[in-house]
Amino acid sequence: MPKDYGDITSKIIELLEKNPGQTIKELAKQLKLNRSFLSGYLKAMEVQSSVRSKEIGPARVYFVNDSRGNPP
């Protein structure tokens, strides 16, 4: 894989800080990554509490996890 995983994580965090509530499709397009790969990667980031997701209608959107515990 040509991209460094740490680099992917930092780019995801940066994108979500600039524009919270993005879908996998939006993030995948900006990062030029496969949506299936990114979906699994975001799930792993959720387990590590780096990001959190919320279902809004049919879409799942992602946010940087707020360590203060404030709701979106």
N, C-alpha and C. Protein backbone atom coordinates (compact mmCIF):
# COMPACT_ATOMS: atom_id res chain seq x y z
N MET A 1 0.84 -1.18 0.00
CA MET A 1 0.00 0.00 0.00
C MET A 1 0.89 1.24 0.00
N PRO A 2 0.69 2.15 -0.93
CA PRO A 2 1.59 3.30 -1.06
C PRO A 2 1.45 4.34 0.04
N LYS A 3 0.30 4.40 0.69
CA LYS A 3 0.08 5.42 1.72
C LYS A 3 0.45 4.88 3.09
N ASP A 4 1.02 5.74 3.90
CA ASP A 4 1.36 5.39 5.28
C ASP A 4 0.10 5.49 6.12
N TYR A 5 -0.17 4.49 6.96
CA TYR A 5 -1.38 4.50 7.78
C TYR A 5 -1.45 5.72 8.69
N GLY A 6 -0.34 6.12 9.28
CA GLY A 6 -0.33 7.31 10.13
C GLY A 6 -0.71 8.55 9.35
N ASP A 7 -0.28 8.60 8.11
CA ASP A 7 -0.60 9.73 7.24
C ASP A 7 -2.10 9.74 6.94
N ILE A 8 -2.69 8.57 6.72
CA ILE A 8 -4.12 8.48 6.45
C ILE A 8 -4.90 8.96 7.67
N THR A 9 -4.50 8.51 8.85
CA THR A 9 -5.18 8.92 10.08
C THR A 9 -5.13 10.42 10.25
N SER A 10 -3.97 11.01 10.08
CA SER A 10 -3.85 12.46 10.27
C SER A 10 -4.66 13.22 9.23
N LYS A 11 -4.72 12.72 8.00
CA LYS A 11 -5.50 13.39 6.96
C LYS A 11 -7.00 13.30 7.27
N ILE A 12 -7.45 12.14 7.76
CA ILE A 12 -8.87 11.98 8.12
C ILE A 12 -9.22 12.96 9.23
N ILE A 13 -8.39 13.01 10.27
CA ILE A 13 -8.63 13.94 11.39
C ILE A 13 -8.68 15.38 10.87
N GLU A 14 -7.74 15.74 10.03
CA GLU A 14 -7.69 17.10 9.48
C GLU A 14 -8.95 17.42 8.68
N LEU A 15 -9.37 16.50 7.82
CA LEU A 15 -10.57 16.73 7.02
C LEU A 15 -11.82 16.87 7.88
N LEU A 16 -11.92 16.04 8.92
CA LEU A 16 -13.09 16.09 9.79
C LEU A 16 -13.08 17.31 10.71
N GLU A 17 -11.91 17.81 11.05
CA GLU A 17 -11.85 19.04 11.84
C GLU A 17 -12.29 20.23 11.00
N LYS A 18 -11.90 20.24 9.72
CA LYS A 18 -12.27 21.34 8.83
C LYS A 18 -13.74 21.29 8.45
N ASN A 19 -14.25 20.06 8.26
CA ASN A 19 -15.63 19.90 7.80
C ASN A 19 -16.24 18.67 8.48
N PRO A 20 -16.73 18.82 9.71
CA PRO A 20 -17.30 17.68 10.44
C PRO A 20 -18.55 17.12 9.76
N GLY A 21 -18.82 15.85 10.01
CA GLY A 21 -20.03 15.23 9.50
C GLY A 21 -19.94 14.76 8.06
N GLN A 22 -18.78 14.31 7.63
CA GLN A 22 -18.61 13.83 6.27
C GLN A 22 -18.92 12.34 6.19
N THR A 23 -19.39 11.93 5.03
CA THR A 23 -19.68 10.52 4.79
C THR A 23 -18.41 9.81 4.30
N ILE A 24 -18.47 8.48 4.28
CA ILE A 24 -17.36 7.70 3.74
C ILE A 24 -17.11 8.07 2.29
N LYS A 25 -18.16 8.25 1.53
CA LYS A 25 -18.03 8.59 0.12
C LYS A 25 -17.28 9.91 -0.05
N GLU A 26 -17.62 10.91 0.74
CA GLU A 26 -16.96 12.21 0.65
C GLU A 26 -15.49 12.11 1.04
N LEU A 27 -15.23 11.40 2.14
CA LEU A 27 -13.84 11.25 2.60
C LEU A 27 -13.01 10.45 1.59
N ALA A 28 -13.59 9.37 1.07
CA ALA A 28 -12.87 8.52 0.11
C ALA A 28 -12.48 9.31 -1.14
N LYS A 29 -13.36 10.17 -1.59
CA LYS A 29 -13.07 10.97 -2.78
C LYS A 29 -11.91 11.93 -2.51
N GLN A 30 -11.91 12.59 -1.36
CA GLN A 30 -10.85 13.54 -1.02
C GLN A 30 -9.51 12.84 -0.80
N LEU A 31 -9.56 11.65 -0.21
CA LEU A 31 -8.33 10.91 0.12
C LEU A 31 -7.87 10.00 -1.02
N LYS A 32 -8.72 9.85 -2.04
CA LYS A 32 -8.43 8.96 -3.17
C LYS A 32 -8.19 7.54 -2.69
N LEU A 33 -9.12 7.08 -1.82
CA LEU A 33 -9.07 5.72 -1.27
C LEU A 33 -10.35 4.98 -1.63
N ASN A 34 -10.25 3.66 -1.64
CA ASN A 34 -11.39 2.79 -1.85
C ASN A 34 -12.35 2.93 -0.67
N ARG A 35 -13.66 3.04 -0.94
CA ARG A 35 -14.65 3.21 0.13
C ARG A 35 -14.68 2.02 1.08
N SER A 36 -14.52 0.81 0.58
CA SER A 36 -14.54 -0.38 1.44
C SER A 36 -13.36 -0.35 2.42
N PHE A 37 -12.18 -0.02 1.90
CA PHE A 37 -11.00 0.09 2.76
C PHE A 37 -11.23 1.16 3.81
N LEU A 38 -11.72 2.33 3.38
CA LEU A 38 -11.91 3.45 4.29
C LEU A 38 -12.96 3.13 5.35
N SER A 39 -14.00 2.40 4.98
CA SER A 39 -15.03 2.01 5.94
C SER A 39 -14.43 1.21 7.09
N GLY A 40 -13.62 0.22 6.76
CA GLY A 40 -12.96 -0.59 7.78
C GLY A 40 -11.97 0.23 8.60
N TYR A 41 -11.28 1.13 7.94
CA TYR A 41 -10.30 1.98 8.62
C TYR A 41 -11.01 2.89 9.62
N LEU A 42 -12.14 3.47 9.22
CA LEU A 42 -12.90 4.35 10.12
C LEU A 42 -13.48 3.56 11.30
N LYS A 43 -13.89 2.32 11.06
CA LYS A 43 -14.38 1.48 12.17
C LYS A 43 -13.27 1.27 13.19
N ALA A 44 -12.05 1.01 12.70
CA ALA A 44 -10.92 0.83 13.60
C ALA A 44 -10.61 2.11 14.35
N MET A 45 -10.74 3.25 13.68
CA MET A 45 -10.52 4.54 14.35
C MET A 45 -11.59 4.78 15.42
N GLU A 46 -12.81 4.30 15.17
CA GLU A 46 -13.88 4.43 16.18
C GLU A 46 -13.56 3.58 17.41
N VAL A 47 -13.07 2.38 17.19
CA VAL A 47 -12.70 1.50 18.31
C VAL A 47 -11.61 2.16 19.15
N GLN A 48 -10.71 2.88 18.51
CA GLN A 48 -9.63 3.57 19.21
C GLN A 48 -10.08 4.94 19.76
N SER A 49 -11.34 5.28 19.54
CA SER A 49 -11.93 6.55 19.99
C SER A 49 -11.31 7.78 19.34
N SER A 50 -10.77 7.64 18.13
CA SER A 50 -10.24 8.79 17.39
C SER A 50 -11.36 9.56 16.71
N VAL A 51 -12.34 8.81 16.21
CA VAL A 51 -13.50 9.40 15.55
C VAL A 51 -14.76 8.76 16.10
N ARG A 52 -15.88 9.38 15.81
CA ARG A 52 -17.17 8.80 16.15
C ARG A 52 -18.10 9.01 14.96
N SER A 53 -19.12 8.19 14.88
CA SER A 53 -20.04 8.30 13.76
C SER A 53 -21.46 8.44 14.28
N LYS A 54 -22.31 8.90 13.39
CA LYS A 54 -23.71 9.10 13.71
C LYS A 54 -24.51 8.84 12.44
N GLU A 55 -25.61 8.10 12.58
CA GLU A 55 -26.48 7.88 11.42
C GLU A 55 -27.41 9.06 11.27
N ILE A 56 -27.40 9.64 10.09
CA ILE A 56 -28.32 10.72 9.76
C ILE A 56 -29.03 10.28 8.50
N GLY A 57 -30.29 9.89 8.66
CA GLY A 57 -31.03 9.32 7.54
C GLY A 57 -30.35 8.03 7.12
N PRO A 58 -30.16 7.85 5.81
CA PRO A 58 -29.52 6.61 5.34
C PRO A 58 -28.00 6.66 5.41
N ALA A 59 -27.44 7.81 5.74
CA ALA A 59 -25.98 7.97 5.73
C ALA A 59 -25.39 7.89 7.13
N ARG A 60 -24.16 7.42 7.20
CA ARG A 60 -23.38 7.45 8.44
C ARG A 60 -22.33 8.54 8.23
N VAL A 61 -22.31 9.50 9.14
CA VAL A 61 -21.36 10.60 9.04
C VAL A 61 -20.37 10.53 10.19
N TYR A 62 -19.19 11.06 9.96
CA TYR A 62 -18.08 10.93 10.91
C TYR A 62 -17.64 12.29 11.44
N PHE A 63 -17.19 12.25 12.69
CA PHE A 63 -16.71 13.43 13.40
C PHE A 63 -15.45 13.05 14.15
N VAL A 64 -14.60 14.05 14.40
CA VAL A 64 -13.46 13.83 15.30
C VAL A 64 -14.06 13.63 16.67
N ASN A 65 -13.58 12.65 17.40
CA ASN A 65 -14.10 12.38 18.74
C ASN A 65 -13.71 13.51 19.67
N ASP A 66 -14.71 14.12 20.28
CA ASP A 66 -14.48 15.23 21.22
C ASP A 66 -14.18 14.65 22.58
N SER A 67 -12.96 14.79 23.02
CA SER A 67 -12.55 14.19 24.30
C SER A 67 -13.29 14.79 25.49
N ARG A 68 -13.93 15.92 25.31
CA ARG A 68 -14.68 16.53 26.39
C ARG A 68 -16.05 15.88 26.58
N GLY A 69 -16.42 15.00 25.62
CA GLY A 69 -17.67 14.26 25.75
C GLY A 69 -18.90 15.05 25.36
N ASN A 70 -18.72 16.17 24.66
CA ASN A 70 -19.87 16.96 24.24
C ASN A 70 -20.55 16.32 23.05
N PRO A 71 -21.87 16.32 22.99
CA PRO A 71 -22.58 15.75 21.85
C PRO A 71 -22.37 16.61 20.61
N PRO A 72 -22.58 16.04 19.41
CA PRO A 72 -22.36 16.80 18.16
C PRO A 72 -23.32 17.97 18.04
